[in-house]
Amino acid sequence: MCGHVADSSAVHPDDPLHDGLRRVTACCEAHLELVRAAYRQRPFVQEELWAGKISRVLTSRRPVLALRELACRTGLDEPDIRRAIAWHNERRRRMDA
């Protein structure tokens, strides 16, 4: 059985319309519901999703030369990009501590 769950850490490599959705597989309907319930317990952090979108663009073939271009290619506005970067930096600080 396959399904989708909301997951702010999931960024589709090619299709931004599927960002925030993770495809999950289970052996039966009951197991699929357990997987879905586990994901419902995880908070959906918008800045995490935005950081993933930024990462996808920054690791693509075309380099990004300006914040305006990054905004255009991610579909985010500059304040959201700054929030995503701040979220990412704080997460890294906590991981390195």
Protein backbone atom coordinates (compact mmCIF):
# COMPACT_ATOMS: atom_id res chain seq x y z
CA MET A 1 0.00 0.00 0.00
CA CYS A 2 1.24 3.48 -0.85
CA GLY A 3 0.18 6.88 0.32
CA HIS A 4 1.39 10.40 1.01
CA VAL A 5 1.98 12.23 4.26
CA ALA A 6 2.69 15.88 5.00
CA ASP A 7 6.41 16.26 5.75
CA SER A 8 8.24 19.58 5.75
CA SER A 9 11.55 17.79 5.23
CA ALA A 10 10.39 16.31 1.90
CA VAL A 11 11.40 18.26 -1.20
CA HIS A 12 10.79 16.63 -4.57
CA PRO A 13 13.91 16.68 -6.76
CA ASP A 14 12.05 17.79 -9.90
CA ASP A 15 8.51 18.86 -9.07
CA PRO A 16 7.94 21.75 -6.63
CA LEU A 17 4.20 20.92 -6.57
CA HIS A 18 5.06 17.78 -4.58
CA ASP A 19 7.22 19.59 -2.01
CA GLY A 20 6.04 18.90 1.52
CA LEU A 21 4.64 15.48 0.62
CA ARG A 22 6.45 12.24 1.35
CA ARG A 23 5.43 9.02 -0.37
CA VAL A 24 5.23 6.17 2.13
CA THR A 25 4.76 2.45 1.67
CA ALA A 26 3.18 -0.01 4.09
CA CYS A 27 2.23 -3.67 4.03
CA CYS A 28 -1.48 -3.10 4.70
CA GLU A 29 -4.08 -0.41 5.40
CA ALA A 30 -3.61 -0.70 9.17
CA HIS A 31 0.16 -0.28 8.83
CA LEU A 32 -0.33 2.68 6.49
CA GLU A 33 -2.53 4.34 9.11
CA LEU A 34 0.18 3.79 11.73
CA VAL A 35 2.73 5.46 9.44
CA ARG A 36 0.36 8.37 8.80
CA ALA A 37 -0.31 8.74 12.53
CA ALA A 38 3.43 8.89 13.22
CA TYR A 39 3.87 11.69 10.67
CA ARG A 40 0.92 13.61 12.14
CA GLN A 41 2.89 13.77 15.40
CA ARG A 42 5.79 15.50 13.64
CA PRO A 43 5.41 19.27 13.36
CA PHE A 44 5.29 20.72 9.85
CA VAL A 45 7.91 23.49 9.91
CA GLN A 46 7.45 25.89 7.01
CA GLU A 47 11.04 27.18 7.29
CA GLU A 48 12.31 23.60 6.94
CA LEU A 49 10.38 23.20 3.70
CA TRP A 50 11.67 26.56 2.43
CA ALA A 51 15.26 25.58 3.31
CA GLY A 52 14.79 22.43 1.24
CA LYS A 53 13.53 24.45 -1.72
CA ILE A 54 16.55 26.74 -1.44
CA SER A 55 18.91 23.77 -1.23
CA ARG A 56 17.37 22.23 -4.36
CA VAL A 57 17.99 25.44 -6.31
CA LEU A 58 21.50 25.96 -4.94
CA THR A 59 22.54 22.43 -5.89
CA SER A 60 21.10 22.64 -9.40
CA ARG A 61 23.28 23.13 -12.45
CA ARG A 62 22.68 26.86 -12.79
CA PRO A 63 24.37 29.02 -10.16
CA VAL A 64 22.34 31.64 -8.32
CA LEU A 65 23.94 35.07 -8.43
CA ALA A 66 21.48 37.21 -6.49
CA LEU A 67 18.81 36.96 -3.80
CA ARG A 68 16.21 38.16 -6.31
CA GLU A 69 17.09 35.26 -8.63
CA LEU A 70 16.89 32.81 -5.71
CA ALA A 71 13.45 34.19 -4.88
CA CYS A 72 12.33 33.76 -8.46
CA ARG A 73 13.65 30.20 -8.73
CA THR A 74 12.25 29.02 -5.38
CA GLY A 75 8.93 30.84 -5.52
CA LEU A 76 9.70 32.35 -2.10
CA ASP A 77 9.91 36.00 -1.21
CA GLU A 78 13.04 37.51 0.35
CA PRO A 79 11.72 37.58 3.96
CA ASP A 80 10.85 33.86 3.70
CA ILE A 81 14.31 33.10 2.31
CA ARG A 82 15.88 34.94 5.25
CA ARG A 83 13.65 33.00 7.70
CA ALA A 84 14.65 29.71 6.06
CA ILE A 85 18.34 30.59 6.28
CA ALA A 86 17.97 31.58 9.94
CA TRP A 87 16.15 28.29 10.66
CA HIS A 88 18.87 26.32 8.87
CA ASN A 89 21.69 28.14 10.69
CA GLU A 90 20.04 27.62 14.09
CA ARG A 91 19.54 23.93 13.37
CA ARG A 92 23.20 23.58 12.38
CA ARG A 93 24.30 25.35 15.58
CA ARG A 94 22.24 22.94 17.69
CA MET A 95 23.62 19.93 15.81
CA ASP A 96 27.22 21.12 16.19
CA ALA A 97 26.84 21.83 19.91
